[in-house]
Full PDB file with SEQRES, HELIX, SHEET, SSBOND, CRYST1, ORIGX, SCALE, CONECT and MASTER records, all heavy atoms in Angstrom:
SEQRES   1 A   30  ARG VAL SER ALA ARG ARG GLY ILE ASP LEU GLY ASP GLY          
SEQRES   2 A   30  GLY ASP TYR ASP ALA ILE TRP ARG TRP SER VAL GLU HIS          
SEQRES   3 A   30  LEU ASP GLN PHE                                              
HELIX    1 AA1 VAL A    2  ARG A    6  1                                   5    
HELIX    2 AA2 GLY A   11  GLY A   13  5                                   3    
HELIX    3 AA3 TYR A   16  GLU A   25  1                                  10    
CRYST1    1.000    1.000    1.000  90.00  90.00  90.00 P 1           1          
ORIGX1      1.000000  0.000000  0.000000        0.00000                         
ORIGX2      0.000000  1.000000  0.000000        0.00000                         
ORIGX3      0.000000  0.000000  1.000000        0.00000                         
SCALE1      1.000000  0.000000  0.000000        0.00000                         
SCALE2      0.000000  1.000000  0.000000        0.00000                         
SCALE3      0.000000  0.000000  1.000000        0.00000                         
ATOM      1  N   ARG A   1      10.653   1.010   0.152  1.00  0.00           N  
ATOM      2  CA  ARG A   1       9.812   1.238   1.335  1.00  0.00           C  
ATOM      3  C   ARG A   1      10.520   2.166   2.320  1.00  0.00           C  
ATOM      4  O   ARG A   1       9.914   3.113   2.858  1.00  0.00           O  
ATOM      5  CB  ARG A   1       9.507  -0.116   1.984  1.00  0.00           C  
ATOM      6  CG  ARG A   1       8.627  -0.075   3.233  1.00  0.00           C  
ATOM      7  CD  ARG A   1       8.475  -1.512   3.755  1.00  0.00           C  
ATOM      8  NE  ARG A   1       7.441  -1.617   4.769  1.00  0.00           N  
ATOM      9  CZ  ARG A   1       7.658  -1.528   6.079  1.00  0.00           C  
ATOM     10  NH1 ARG A   1       8.886  -1.290   6.519  1.00  0.00           N  
ATOM     11  NH2 ARG A   1       6.656  -1.651   6.937  1.00  0.00           N  
ATOM     12  N   VAL A   2      11.809   1.908   2.561  1.00  0.00           N  
ATOM     13  CA  VAL A   2      12.578   2.748   3.477  1.00  0.00           C  
ATOM     14  C   VAL A   2      12.676   4.172   2.950  1.00  0.00           C  
ATOM     15  O   VAL A   2      12.502   5.149   3.694  1.00  0.00           O  
ATOM     16  CB  VAL A   2      13.986   2.148   3.687  1.00  0.00           C  
ATOM     17  CG1 VAL A   2      14.874   3.124   4.461  1.00  0.00           C  
ATOM     18  CG2 VAL A   2      13.892   0.815   4.430  1.00  0.00           C  
ATOM     19  N   SER A   3      12.953   4.295   1.656  1.00  0.00           N  
ATOM     20  CA  SER A   3      13.075   5.627   1.063  1.00  0.00           C  
ATOM     21  C   SER A   3      11.793   6.424   1.242  1.00  0.00           C  
ATOM     22  O   SER A   3      11.828   7.618   1.573  1.00  0.00           O  
ATOM     23  CB  SER A   3      13.414   5.503  -0.425  1.00  0.00           C  
ATOM     24  OG  SER A   3      14.686   4.917  -0.604  1.00  0.00           O  
ATOM     25  N   ALA A   4      10.643   5.768   1.044  1.00  0.00           N  
ATOM     26  CA  ALA A   4       9.363   6.462   1.174  1.00  0.00           C  
ATOM     27  C   ALA A   4       9.078   6.828   2.626  1.00  0.00           C  
ATOM     28  O   ALA A   4       8.580   7.926   2.915  1.00  0.00           O  
ATOM     29  CB  ALA A   4       8.248   5.573   0.619  1.00  0.00           C  
ATOM     30  N   ARG A   5       9.412   5.923   3.555  1.00  0.00           N  
ATOM     31  CA  ARG A   5       9.118   6.167   4.969  1.00  0.00           C  
ATOM     32  C   ARG A   5      10.036   7.228   5.575  1.00  0.00           C  
ATOM     33  O   ARG A   5       9.633   7.983   6.455  1.00  0.00           O  
ATOM     34  CB  ARG A   5       9.249   4.865   5.762  1.00  0.00           C  
ATOM     35  CG  ARG A   5       8.065   3.931   5.606  1.00  0.00           C  
ATOM     36  CD  ARG A   5       8.423   2.503   6.058  1.00  0.00           C  
ATOM     37  NE  ARG A   5       8.976   2.423   7.389  1.00  0.00           N  
ATOM     38  CZ  ARG A   5       8.272   2.218   8.515  1.00  0.00           C  
ATOM     39  NH1 ARG A   5       6.947   2.114   8.450  1.00  0.00           N  
ATOM     40  NH2 ARG A   5       8.871   2.123   9.689  1.00  0.00           N  
ATOM     41  N   ARG A   6      11.283   7.272   5.116  1.00  0.00           N  
ATOM     42  CA  ARG A   6      12.277   8.131   5.769  1.00  0.00           C  
ATOM     43  C   ARG A   6      12.722   9.311   4.907  1.00  0.00           C  
ATOM     44  O   ARG A   6      13.497  10.151   5.380  1.00  0.00           O  
ATOM     45  CB  ARG A   6      13.502   7.283   6.167  1.00  0.00           C  
ATOM     46  CG  ARG A   6      13.175   6.275   7.262  1.00  0.00           C  
ATOM     47  CD  ARG A   6      14.409   5.524   7.736  1.00  0.00           C  
ATOM     48  NE  ARG A   6      14.073   4.614   8.832  1.00  0.00           N  
ATOM     49  CZ  ARG A   6      14.133   4.922  10.118  1.00  0.00           C  
ATOM     50  NH1 ARG A   6      14.495   6.145  10.485  1.00  0.00           N  
ATOM     51  NH2 ARG A   6      13.817   4.029  11.042  1.00  0.00           N  
ATOM     52  N   GLY A   7      12.294   9.336   3.655  1.00  0.00           N  
ATOM     53  CA  GLY A   7      12.672  10.437   2.790  1.00  0.00           C  
ATOM     54  C   GLY A   7      14.149  10.476   2.469  1.00  0.00           C  
ATOM     55  O   GLY A   7      14.746  11.559   2.391  1.00  0.00           O  
ATOM     56  N   ILE A   8      14.765   9.285   2.311  1.00  0.00           N  
ATOM     57  CA  ILE A   8      16.183   9.224   1.974  1.00  0.00           C  
ATOM     58  C   ILE A   8      16.338   8.575   0.606  1.00  0.00           C  
ATOM     59  O   ILE A   8      15.469   7.828   0.147  1.00  0.00           O  
ATOM     60  CB  ILE A   8      16.995   8.447   3.030  1.00  0.00           C  
ATOM     61  CG1 ILE A   8      16.450   7.022   3.201  1.00  0.00           C  
ATOM     62  CG2 ILE A   8      16.972   9.178   4.355  1.00  0.00           C  
ATOM     63  CD1 ILE A   8      17.225   6.193   4.203  1.00  0.00           C  
ATOM     64  N   ASP A   9      17.455   8.852  -0.045  1.00  0.00           N  
ATOM     65  CA  ASP A   9      17.697   8.358  -1.395  1.00  0.00           C  
ATOM     66  C   ASP A   9      18.558   7.111  -1.333  1.00  0.00           C  
ATOM     67  O   ASP A   9      19.741   7.174  -0.985  1.00  0.00           O  
ATOM     68  CB  ASP A   9      18.386   9.442  -2.227  1.00  0.00           C  
ATOM     69  CG  ASP A   9      18.647   8.981  -3.668  1.00  0.00           C  
ATOM     70  OD1 ASP A   9      18.102   7.926  -4.051  1.00  0.00           O  
ATOM     71  OD2 ASP A   9      19.388   9.675  -4.376  1.00  0.00           O  
ATOM     72  N   LEU A  10      17.968   5.963  -1.660  1.00  0.00           N  
ATOM     73  CA  LEU A  10      18.710   4.702  -1.716  1.00  0.00           C  
ATOM     74  C   LEU A  10      18.810   4.202  -3.149  1.00  0.00           C  
ATOM     75  O   LEU A  10      18.815   2.993  -3.406  1.00  0.00           O  
ATOM     76  CB  LEU A  10      18.054   3.653  -0.815  1.00  0.00           C  
ATOM     77  CG  LEU A  10      18.096   3.954   0.689  1.00  0.00           C  
ATOM     78  CD1 LEU A  10      17.398   2.866   1.481  1.00  0.00           C  
ATOM     79  CD2 LEU A  10      19.543   4.121   1.166  1.00  0.00           C  
ATOM     80  N   GLY A  11      18.864   5.122  -4.100  1.00  0.00           N  
ATOM     81  CA  GLY A  11      19.117   4.750  -5.480  1.00  0.00           C  
ATOM     82  C   GLY A  11      18.030   3.919  -6.109  1.00  0.00           C  
ATOM     83  O   GLY A  11      18.331   2.910  -6.738  1.00  0.00           O  
ATOM     84  N   ASP A  12      16.787   4.264  -5.947  1.00  0.00           N  
ATOM     85  CA  ASP A  12      15.588   3.595  -6.487  1.00  0.00           C  
ATOM     86  C   ASP A  12      15.515   2.106  -6.149  1.00  0.00           C  
ATOM     87  O   ASP A  12      14.824   1.327  -6.799  1.00  0.00           O  
ATOM     88  CB  ASP A  12      15.437   3.820  -7.996  1.00  0.00           C  
ATOM     89  CG  ASP A  12      16.403   3.006  -8.865  1.00  0.00           C  
ATOM     90  OD1 ASP A  12      17.098   2.115  -8.340  1.00  0.00           O  
ATOM     91  OD2 ASP A  12      16.439   3.269 -10.092  1.00  0.00           O  
ATOM     92  N   GLY A  13      16.228   1.701  -5.098  1.00  0.00           N  
ATOM     93  CA  GLY A  13      16.135   0.320  -4.612  1.00  0.00           C  
ATOM     94  C   GLY A  13      17.093  -0.636  -5.262  1.00  0.00           C  
ATOM     95  O   GLY A  13      17.240  -1.771  -4.793  1.00  0.00           O  
ATOM     96  N   GLY A  14      17.766  -0.237  -6.317  1.00  0.00           N  
ATOM     97  CA  GLY A  14      18.647  -1.155  -7.018  1.00  0.00           C  
ATOM     98  C   GLY A  14      20.121  -0.920  -6.785  1.00  0.00           C  
ATOM     99  O   GLY A  14      20.953  -1.618  -7.360  1.00  0.00           O  
ATOM    100  N   ASP A  15      20.467   0.042  -5.952  1.00  0.00           N  
ATOM    101  CA  ASP A  15      21.874   0.384  -5.705  1.00  0.00           C  
ATOM    102  C   ASP A  15      22.311  -0.285  -4.404  1.00  0.00           C  
ATOM    103  O   ASP A  15      22.142   0.265  -3.314  1.00  0.00           O  
ATOM    104  CB  ASP A  15      22.030   1.901  -5.629  1.00  0.00           C  
ATOM    105  CG  ASP A  15      23.480   2.350  -5.502  1.00  0.00           C  
ATOM    106  OD1 ASP A  15      24.338   1.521  -5.143  1.00  0.00           O  
ATOM    107  OD2 ASP A  15      23.748   3.536  -5.764  1.00  0.00           O  
ATOM    108  N   TYR A  16      22.908  -1.485  -4.516  1.00  0.00           N  
ATOM    109  CA  TYR A  16      23.271  -2.220  -3.298  1.00  0.00           C  
ATOM    110  C   TYR A  16      24.253  -1.435  -2.447  1.00  0.00           C  
ATOM    111  O   TYR A  16      24.122  -1.390  -1.212  1.00  0.00           O  
ATOM    112  CB  TYR A  16      23.870  -3.590  -3.639  1.00  0.00           C  
ATOM    113  CG  TYR A  16      24.202  -4.372  -2.389  1.00  0.00           C  
ATOM    114  CD1 TYR A  16      23.216  -5.111  -1.732  1.00  0.00           C  
ATOM    115  CD2 TYR A  16      25.468  -4.317  -1.810  1.00  0.00           C  
ATOM    116  CE1 TYR A  16      23.489  -5.785  -0.551  1.00  0.00           C  
ATOM    117  CE2 TYR A  16      25.755  -4.983  -0.636  1.00  0.00           C  
ATOM    118  CZ  TYR A  16      24.764  -5.722  -0.008  1.00  0.00           C  
ATOM    119  OH  TYR A  16      25.036  -6.373   1.167  1.00  0.00           O  
ATOM    120  N   ASP A  17      25.251  -0.815  -3.060  1.00  0.00           N  
ATOM    121  CA  ASP A  17      26.275  -0.119  -2.276  1.00  0.00           C  
ATOM    122  C   ASP A  17      25.677   1.035  -1.476  1.00  0.00           C  
ATOM    123  O   ASP A  17      26.084   1.287  -0.331  1.00  0.00           O  
ATOM    124  CB  ASP A  17      27.385   0.377  -3.191  1.00  0.00           C  
ATOM    125  CG  ASP A  17      28.193  -0.777  -3.784  1.00  0.00           C  
ATOM    126  OD1 ASP A  17      28.338  -1.805  -3.106  1.00  0.00           O  
ATOM    127  OD2 ASP A  17      28.657  -0.650  -4.927  1.00  0.00           O  
ATOM    128  N   ALA A  18      24.686   1.723  -2.050  1.00  0.00           N  
ATOM    129  CA  ALA A  18      24.030   2.807  -1.316  1.00  0.00           C  
ATOM    130  C   ALA A  18      23.238   2.252  -0.134  1.00  0.00           C  
ATOM    131  O   ALA A  18      23.258   2.822   0.969  1.00  0.00           O  
ATOM    132  CB  ALA A  18      23.107   3.588  -2.247  1.00  0.00           C  
ATOM    133  N   ILE A  19      22.549   1.137  -0.357  1.00  0.00           N  
ATOM    134  CA  ILE A  19      21.783   0.519   0.737  1.00  0.00           C  
ATOM    135  C   ILE A  19      22.729   0.045   1.829  1.00  0.00           C  
ATOM    136  O   ILE A  19      22.470   0.240   3.030  1.00  0.00           O  
ATOM    137  CB  ILE A  19      20.938  -0.653   0.203  1.00  0.00           C  
ATOM    138  CG1 ILE A  19      20.002  -0.180  -0.911  1.00  0.00           C  
ATOM    139  CG2 ILE A  19      20.121  -1.288   1.325  1.00  0.00           C  
ATOM    140  CD1 ILE A  19      19.346  -1.326  -1.680  1.00  0.00           C  
ATOM    141  N   TRP A  20      23.842  -0.572   1.427  1.00  0.00           N  
ATOM    142  CA  TRP A  20      24.803  -1.073   2.421  1.00  0.00           C  
ATOM    143  C   TRP A  20      25.384   0.075   3.246  1.00  0.00           C  
ATOM    144  O   TRP A  20      25.473  -0.036   4.471  1.00  0.00           O  
ATOM    145  CB  TRP A  20      25.926  -1.848   1.725  1.00  0.00           C  
ATOM    146  CG  TRP A  20      26.962  -2.353   2.694  1.00  0.00           C  
ATOM    147  CD1 TRP A  20      26.875  -3.461   3.486  1.00  0.00           C  
ATOM    148  CD2 TRP A  20      28.212  -1.734   3.010  1.00  0.00           C  
ATOM    149  NE1 TRP A  20      27.999  -3.581   4.270  1.00  0.00           N  
ATOM    150  CE2 TRP A  20      28.830  -2.534   3.998  1.00  0.00           C  
ATOM    151  CE3 TRP A  20      28.865  -0.586   2.556  1.00  0.00           C  
ATOM    152  CZ2 TRP A  20      30.085  -2.221   4.527  1.00  0.00           C  
ATOM    153  CZ3 TRP A  20      30.111  -0.267   3.089  1.00  0.00           C  
ATOM    154  CH2 TRP A  20      30.713  -1.079   4.057  1.00  0.00           C  
ATOM    155  N   ARG A  21      25.797   1.150   2.572  1.00  0.00           N  
ATOM    156  CA  ARG A  21      26.367   2.280   3.323  1.00  0.00           C  
ATOM    157  C   ARG A  21      25.380   2.816   4.348  1.00  0.00           C  
ATOM    158  O   ARG A  21      25.748   3.076   5.503  1.00  0.00           O  
ATOM    159  CB  ARG A  21      26.796   3.393   2.356  1.00  0.00           C  
ATOM    160  CG  ARG A  21      28.100   3.136   1.638  1.00  0.00           C  
ATOM    161  CD  ARG A  21      28.607   4.397   0.947  1.00  0.00           C  
ATOM    162  NE  ARG A  21      27.672   4.870  -0.065  1.00  0.00           N  
ATOM    163  CZ  ARG A  21      27.674   4.467  -1.326  1.00  0.00           C  
ATOM    164  NH1 ARG A  21      28.551   3.567  -1.744  1.00  0.00           N  
ATOM    165  NH2 ARG A  21      26.794   4.952  -2.193  1.00  0.00           N  
ATOM    166  N   TRP A  22      24.131   2.988   3.940  1.00  0.00           N  
ATOM    167  CA  TRP A  22      23.122   3.455   4.900  1.00  0.00           C  
ATOM    168  C   TRP A  22      22.985   2.464   6.050  1.00  0.00           C  
ATOM    169  O   TRP A  22      22.888   2.857   7.224  1.00  0.00           O  
ATOM    170  CB  TRP A  22      21.778   3.640   4.185  1.00  0.00           C  
ATOM    171  CG  TRP A  22      20.620   3.757   5.125  1.00  0.00           C  
ATOM    172  CD1 TRP A  22      20.310   4.815   5.933  1.00  0.00           C  
ATOM    173  CD2 TRP A  22      19.628   2.759   5.387  1.00  0.00           C  
ATOM    174  NE1 TRP A  22      19.183   4.545   6.673  1.00  0.00           N  
ATOM    175  CE2 TRP A  22      18.739   3.287   6.355  1.00  0.00           C  
ATOM    176  CE3 TRP A  22      19.396   1.478   4.886  1.00  0.00           C  
ATOM    177  CZ2 TRP A  22      17.649   2.565   6.840  1.00  0.00           C  
ATOM    178  CZ3 TRP A  22      18.308   0.753   5.358  1.00  0.00           C  
ATOM    179  CH2 TRP A  22      17.449   1.301   6.328  1.00  0.00           C  
ATOM    180  N   SER A  23      23.008   1.164   5.739  1.00  0.00           N  
ATOM    181  CA  SER A  23      22.764   0.150   6.772  1.00  0.00           C  
ATOM    182  C   SER A  23      23.864   0.119   7.825  1.00  0.00           C  
ATOM    183  O   SER A  23      23.580  -0.146   9.001  1.00  0.00           O  
ATOM    184  CB  SER A  23      22.603  -1.235   6.134  1.00  0.00           C  
ATOM    185  OG  SER A  23      23.841  -1.752   5.661  1.00  0.00           O  
ATOM    186  N   VAL A  24      25.121   0.365   7.434  1.00  0.00           N  
ATOM    187  CA  VAL A  24      26.203   0.322   8.425  1.00  0.00           C  
ATOM    188  C   VAL A  24      26.403   1.672   9.111  1.00  0.00           C  
ATOM    189  O   VAL A  24      26.874   1.720  10.255  1.00  0.00           O  
ATOM    190  CB  VAL A  24      27.531  -0.156   7.796  1.00  0.00           C  
ATOM    191  CG1 VAL A  24      27.408  -1.592   7.326  1.00  0.00           C  
ATOM    192  CG2 VAL A  24      27.986   0.739   6.661  1.00  0.00           C  
ATOM    193  N   GLU A  25      26.040   2.749   8.430  1.00  0.00           N  
ATOM    194  CA  GLU A  25      26.181   4.077   9.046  1.00  0.00           C  
ATOM    195  C   GLU A  25      25.011   4.408   9.964  1.00  0.00           C  
ATOM    196  O   GLU A  25      25.132   5.269  10.850  1.00  0.00           O  
ATOM    197  CB  GLU A  25      26.302   5.142   7.954  1.00  0.00           C  
ATOM    198  CG  GLU A  25      27.601   5.036   7.161  1.00  0.00           C  
ATOM    199  CD  GLU A  25      27.623   5.964   5.952  1.00  0.00           C  
ATOM    200  OE1 GLU A  25      26.610   6.695   5.755  1.00  0.00           O  
ATOM    201  OE2 GLU A  25      28.632   5.962   5.217  1.00  0.00           O  
ATOM    202  N   HIS A  26      23.878   3.735   9.756  1.00  0.00           N  
ATOM    203  CA  HIS A  26      22.677   3.991  10.560  1.00  0.00           C  
ATOM    204  C   HIS A  26      22.088   2.658  11.011  1.00  0.00           C  
ATOM    205  O   HIS A  26      20.988   2.272  10.600  1.00  0.00           O  
ATOM    206  CB  HIS A  26      21.657   4.788   9.750  1.00  0.00           C  
ATOM    207  CG  HIS A  26      22.172   6.093   9.235  1.00  0.00           C  
ATOM    208  ND1 HIS A  26      22.255   7.215  10.019  1.00  0.00           N  
ATOM    209  CD2 HIS A  26      22.656   6.440   8.016  1.00  0.00           C  
ATOM    210  CE1 HIS A  26      22.754   8.217   9.304  1.00  0.00           C  
ATOM    211  NE2 HIS A  26      23.002   7.768   8.089  1.00  0.00           N  
ATOM    212  N   LEU A  27      22.819   1.953  11.863  1.00  0.00           N  
ATOM    213  CA  LEU A  27      22.383   0.643  12.327  1.00  0.00           C  
ATOM    214  C   LEU A  27      21.009   0.706  12.975  1.00  0.00           C  
ATOM    215  O   LEU A  27      20.182  -0.191  12.788  1.00  0.00           O  
ATOM    216  CB  LEU A  27      23.388   0.069  13.331  1.00  0.00           C  
ATOM    217  CG  LEU A  27      24.747  -0.397  12.806  1.00  0.00           C  
ATOM    218  CD1 LEU A  27      25.616  -0.862  13.968  1.00  0.00           C  
ATOM    219  CD2 LEU A  27      24.582  -1.523  11.791  1.00  0.00           C  
ATOM    220  N   ASP A  28      20.769   1.747  13.745  1.00  0.00           N  
ATOM    221  CA  ASP A  28      19.487   1.843  14.443  1.00  0.00           C  
ATOM    222  C   ASP A  28      18.339   1.951  13.436  1.00  0.00           C  
ATOM    223  O   ASP A  28      17.312   1.270  13.567  1.00  0.00           O  
ATOM    224  CB  ASP A  28      19.484   3.024  15.414  1.00  0.00           C  
ATOM    225  CG  ASP A  28      19.968   4.330  14.780  1.00  0.00           C  
ATOM    226  OD1 ASP A  28      20.373   4.328  13.596  1.00  0.00           O  
ATOM    227  OD2 ASP A  28      19.933   5.371  15.476  1.00  0.00           O  
ATOM    228  N   GLN A  29      18.503   2.771  12.419  1.00  0.00           N  
ATOM    229  CA  GLN A  29      17.455   2.903  11.404  1.00  0.00           C  
ATOM    230  C   GLN A  29      17.257   1.587  10.646  1.00  0.00           C  
ATOM    231  O   GLN A  29      16.121   1.152  10.419  1.00  0.00           O  
ATOM    232  CB  GLN A  29      17.811   4.013  10.416  1.00  0.00           C  
ATOM    233  CG  GLN A  29      17.851   5.410  11.005  1.00  0.00           C  
ATOM    234  CD  GLN A  29      18.185   6.457   9.954  1.00  0.00           C  
ATOM    235  OE1 GLN A  29      18.028   6.218   8.748  1.00  0.00           O  
ATOM    236  NE2 GLN A  29      18.647   7.620  10.390  1.00  0.00           N  
ATOM    237  N   PHE A  30      18.369   0.986  10.237  1.00  0.00           N  
ATOM    238  CA  PHE A  30      18.262  -0.241   9.439  1.00  0.00           C  
ATOM    239  C   PHE A  30      17.518  -1.332  10.199  1.00  0.00           C  
ATOM    240  O   PHE A  30      16.575  -1.947   9.676  1.00  0.00           O  
ATOM    241  CB  PHE A  30      19.648  -0.739   9.029  1.00  0.00           C  
ATOM    242  CG  PHE A  30      19.603  -2.076   8.321  1.00  0.00           C  
ATOM    243  CD1 PHE A  30      19.271  -2.147   6.977  1.00  0.00           C  
ATOM    244  CD2 PHE A  30      19.859  -3.259   9.007  1.00  0.00           C  
ATOM    245  CE1 PHE A  30      19.207  -3.374   6.317  1.00  0.00           C  
ATOM    246  CE2 PHE A  30      19.799  -4.486   8.364  1.00  0.00           C  
ATOM    247  CZ  PHE A  30      19.471  -4.539   7.015  1.00  0.00           C  
TER     248      PHE A  30                                                      
MASTER        0    0    0    3    0    0    0    6  247    1    0    3          
END                                                                             
């Protein structure tokens, strides 16, 4: 859902480390 709304690559939803990195680097977005 986030990838579709924001146009960012979170590894097709199954890459936890990619999701985590985005979440801590972009707290406001997360």
